[in-house]
Structure formats: C-alpha cells, structure tokens
Amino acid sequence: PDELYDISELGDGITAPKRRTENFTPAFAASFLDTYAEFWVNDEKIDRKLSDTHIQYLAREMMANNFRWEYVSLVLATVEGRTYRLNGQHTAWAVLLADEWGLEKGVNRPIQVLRYECPTIQDARRLYASIDRGRPRGQALVVNSHLLGTEEFGGIKGHVLKLLAQGLGVWLWEKS
C-alpha cells in the first residue's frame, strides 16, 4: 500500500509572532513589496497570482471609506535566514493605486504586521496555509446589509435586492 503523508508532522513549530502596528502609507506599501520576497519554494511560487480586479476593488473601497484598515494583518515569515511575505500583496498594491487616484493624505491607516520565525520551510508552508481563510462577504450580503429592512425597501426580499443590484451593475456597465 502507498505510504500516508502525515501533514500534522510537517515542521518543527512556529513561534508566536512579533507584532507591531504600522501606518499603511503608500511609502510603507512600496517598501513592504520591495523589501520582502514573495513566497517561493524550490522555484515554485506558492502565493496566488496578483489579481488586478481585486486590487482595483480594494482601491475603490479605500476611496469610498469602506475599507477597514484595522482588519489588515500583514504576515511575514522568516525561514532559513530569508523573510517572505505570506499575504498583503493585493492590499499593498491597492494602497498605491488608491494613492494615484487621490486617496486622502495624512489619514491614519493602522494595520498589524505579524512576523513569525519558522524553523523549517515546512513550518512556513503550514503558516501560509493557515492565513486568509476567512470568507469575504459577497455582493448580496453587502447590498442586503445596506438596504434590507429599510423604510425605502420595506417588504422586498433579500434575493430580489440581489437581482436589482445585479441589474444595476449591468445597466451601469456601459457608463463606467
């Protein structure tokens, strides 16, 4: 029979992170992207590809003051003498894009930077696999949170509001 690969035994353990608060300015975002390497193992990029669509979405949320800076935790892992960024690439690029679009200067943008020490690359792999596991709110939930149960939309069900939002998106598509 094939030998089982026990993933619970990968790595020696990850230390508790060193945590610091930073102001996520465009200068900090650029430094974060330039200073810390993407997570590669044996010539294979582990991190997901950049998504221009997601970067633009985040930048629009920043511009509309809908972005919650305090939810951001950038995760760094030092393993075998090299420090990798395990997340945050989309948010950092979005900060730079929003800055180009005229995001208000001098606003406090508090984020957390978590720095882990990983004895082995397997520990870094386990750490990477454990982050960004939250499920973001979809369009329907966002629309419902704003409109469902309001006086203006009283009696309209959530699934109908979702369809209205989708129709509005199609209608506005040509105008954007």
Protein backbone atom coordinates (compact mmCIF):
# COMPACT_ATOMS: atom_id res chain seq x y z
CA PRO A 1 0.00 0.00 0.00
CA ASP A 2 1.01 3.63 -0.50
CA GLU A 3 2.61 5.34 2.45
CA LEU A 4 0.42 8.02 4.06
CA TYR A 5 1.80 11.53 4.19
CA ASP A 6 1.04 12.82 7.69
CA ILE A 7 0.73 16.58 7.29
CA SER A 8 0.38 17.10 11.04
CA GLU A 9 4.04 16.13 11.42
CA LEU A 10 5.39 18.66 8.92
CA GLY A 11 7.74 21.16 10.50
CA ASP A 12 9.10 21.74 13.95
CA GLY A 13 6.82 24.53 15.09
CA ILE A 14 6.17 28.18 14.58
CA THR A 15 6.99 30.78 17.19
CA ALA A 16 4.40 33.26 18.36
CA PRO A 17 4.58 36.31 16.14
CA LYS A 18 6.27 39.58 16.90
CA ARG A 19 3.51 42.14 16.39
CA ARG A 20 3.74 45.82 15.57
CA THR A 21 1.31 48.46 14.38
CA GLU A 22 2.18 50.44 11.25
CA ASN A 23 0.51 53.20 9.29
CA PHE A 24 -0.18 51.74 5.82
CA THR A 25 1.02 54.73 3.82
CA PRO A 26 1.99 54.46 0.15
CA ALA A 27 5.66 54.63 1.22
CA PHE A 28 5.14 51.72 3.62
CA ALA A 29 3.26 49.73 0.95
CA ALA A 30 6.06 50.23 -1.58
CA SER A 31 8.68 49.28 0.99
CA PHE A 32 6.71 46.18 2.00
CA LEU A 33 6.52 45.00 -1.62
CA ASP A 34 10.19 45.78 -2.33
CA THR A 35 11.70 44.51 0.91
CA TYR A 36 10.02 41.15 1.41
CA ALA A 37 10.18 38.34 -1.13
CA GLU A 38 7.15 36.51 -2.44
CA PHE A 39 6.81 33.00 -1.01
CA TRP A 40 8.66 30.61 -3.34
CA VAL A 41 9.80 27.07 -2.60
CA ASN A 42 12.11 25.22 -4.98
CA ASP A 43 11.41 27.54 -7.93
CA GLU A 44 7.65 27.26 -7.38
CA LYS A 45 5.62 30.32 -6.41
CA ILE A 46 3.36 29.36 -3.54
CA ASP A 47 1.42 32.62 -3.26
CA ARG A 48 -1.56 33.27 -5.51
CA LYS A 49 -1.21 35.37 -8.63
CA LEU A 50 -1.92 39.07 -8.49
CA SER A 51 -5.46 39.96 -9.48
CA ASP A 52 -5.87 43.42 -10.98
CA THR A 53 -9.61 43.11 -10.42
CA HIS A 54 -9.14 42.53 -6.69
CA ILE A 55 -6.59 45.34 -6.40
CA GLN A 56 -9.00 47.77 -8.08
CA TYR A 57 -11.85 46.56 -5.88
CA LEU A 58 -9.80 47.19 -2.73
CA ALA A 59 -8.69 50.61 -4.00
CA ARG A 60 -12.32 51.59 -4.71
CA GLU A 61 -13.29 50.50 -1.20
CA MET A 62 -10.45 52.62 0.20
CA MET A 63 -11.59 55.64 -1.81
CA ALA A 64 -15.17 55.20 -0.61
CA ASN A 65 -14.09 54.92 3.06
CA ASN A 66 -15.48 51.39 3.18
CA PHE A 67 -12.09 49.77 3.83
CA ARG A 68 -11.36 48.73 7.42
CA TRP A 69 -7.64 49.28 7.96
CA GLU A 70 -7.71 47.73 11.42
CA TYR A 71 -8.65 44.35 9.90
CA VAL A 72 -5.40 44.16 7.94
CA SER A 73 -2.69 41.88 9.26
CA LEU A 74 0.38 41.52 7.09
CA VAL A 75 2.12 38.22 7.74
CA LEU A 76 5.88 37.76 7.36
CA ALA A 77 7.76 34.51 7.88
CA THR A 78 11.49 34.23 8.39
CA VAL A 79 12.84 30.82 7.48
CA GLU A 80 16.41 29.78 6.79
CA GLY A 81 17.56 33.41 7.05
CA ARG A 82 15.12 34.80 4.49
CA THR A 83 11.93 36.72 5.21
CA TYR A 84 8.93 36.13 2.97
CA ARG A 85 5.64 37.98 2.76
CA LEU A 86 2.82 35.48 3.05
CA ASN A 87 -0.03 37.88 2.34
CA GLY A 88 -0.81 41.55 1.78
CA GLN A 89 0.31 41.92 -1.80
CA HIS A 90 -3.15 42.90 -3.07
CA THR A 91 -3.72 45.37 -0.24
CA ALA A 92 -0.30 46.96 -0.70
CA TRP A 93 -0.84 47.40 -4.45
CA ALA A 94 -4.32 48.79 -3.73
CA VAL A 95 -2.85 51.40 -1.39
CA LEU A 96 -0.52 52.50 -4.18
CA LEU A 97 -3.36 52.60 -6.73
CA ALA A 98 -5.70 54.48 -4.39
CA ASP A 99 -2.91 56.96 -3.75
CA GLU A 100 -2.67 57.56 -7.53
CA TRP A 101 -6.45 58.07 -7.57
CA GLY A 102 -6.19 60.73 -4.86
CA LEU A 103 -6.75 58.86 -1.60
CA GLU A 104 -6.74 61.41 1.19
CA LYS A 105 -3.26 62.04 2.57
CA GLY A 106 -2.41 62.05 6.24
CA VAL A 107 -5.20 59.68 7.26
CA ASN A 108 -4.30 57.16 9.94
CA ARG A 109 -4.34 53.66 8.40
CA PRO A 110 -3.43 51.36 11.30
CA ILE A 111 -2.54 47.81 10.35
CA GLN A 112 -0.79 44.96 12.12
CA VAL A 113 2.45 43.40 10.93
CA LEU A 114 2.95 39.88 12.28
CA ARG A 115 6.45 38.43 11.97
CA TYR A 116 6.88 34.70 12.54
CA GLU A 117 10.06 32.69 12.92
CA CYS A 118 9.75 29.34 11.15
CA PRO A 119 12.47 26.75 11.83
CA THR A 120 11.80 24.92 8.54
CA ILE A 121 10.25 25.60 5.16
CA GLN A 122 7.54 23.11 6.12
CA ASP A 123 6.59 25.37 9.02
CA ALA A 124 6.35 28.32 6.62
CA ARG A 125 4.13 26.21 4.35
CA ARG A 126 1.83 25.38 7.27
CA LEU A 127 1.69 29.03 8.30
CA TYR A 128 0.87 30.13 4.75
CA ALA A 129 -1.91 27.54 4.52
CA SER A 130 -3.49 28.84 7.73
CA ILE A 131 -3.94 32.53 6.81
CA ASP A 132 -6.57 34.33 4.73
CA ARG A 133 -9.08 31.59 5.48
CA GLY A 134 -11.96 33.96 6.21
CA ARG A 135 -14.84 34.04 3.80
CA PRO A 136 -15.47 37.55 2.48
CA ARG A 137 -18.97 38.94 2.30
CA GLY A 138 -20.45 38.53 -1.14
CA GLN A 139 -22.26 41.21 -3.12
CA ALA A 140 -25.70 40.03 -1.99
CA LEU A 141 -24.80 40.30 1.71
CA VAL A 142 -23.30 43.76 1.24
CA VAL A 143 -26.39 45.01 -0.64
CA ASN A 144 -28.71 43.46 1.94
CA SER A 145 -26.76 44.98 4.83
CA HIS A 146 -27.39 48.44 3.36
CA LEU A 147 -30.96 48.06 2.10
CA LEU A 148 -32.85 45.10 3.61
CA GLY A 149 -35.41 46.20 6.17
CA THR A 150 -35.10 49.92 5.43
CA GLU A 151 -38.20 52.06 5.00
CA GLU A 152 -37.42 52.59 1.30
CA PHE A 153 -37.13 48.85 0.58
CA GLY A 154 -39.67 47.56 3.10
CA GLY A 155 -41.21 44.24 2.12
CA ILE A 156 -38.66 43.47 -0.60
CA LYS A 157 -36.92 40.14 -0.04
CA GLY A 158 -33.13 39.78 0.01
CA HIS A 159 -32.97 37.68 -3.16
CA VAL A 160 -34.89 40.41 -5.04
CA LEU A 161 -32.46 43.08 -3.81
CA LYS A 162 -29.61 40.91 -5.08
CA LEU A 163 -31.21 40.77 -8.53
CA LEU A 164 -31.77 44.53 -8.51
CA ALA A 165 -28.10 45.11 -7.66
CA GLN A 166 -27.02 42.78 -10.46
CA GLY A 167 -29.31 44.56 -12.92
CA LEU A 168 -27.97 47.94 -11.84
CA GLY A 169 -24.43 46.66 -12.40
CA VAL A 170 -25.28 45.61 -15.95
CA TRP A 171 -27.05 48.90 -16.60
CA LEU A 172 -24.06 50.93 -15.33
CA TRP A 173 -21.51 48.75 -17.13
CA GLU A 174 -21.57 50.89 -20.30
CA LYS A 175 -21.23 54.08 -18.28
CA SER A 176 -18.06 53.09 -16.40
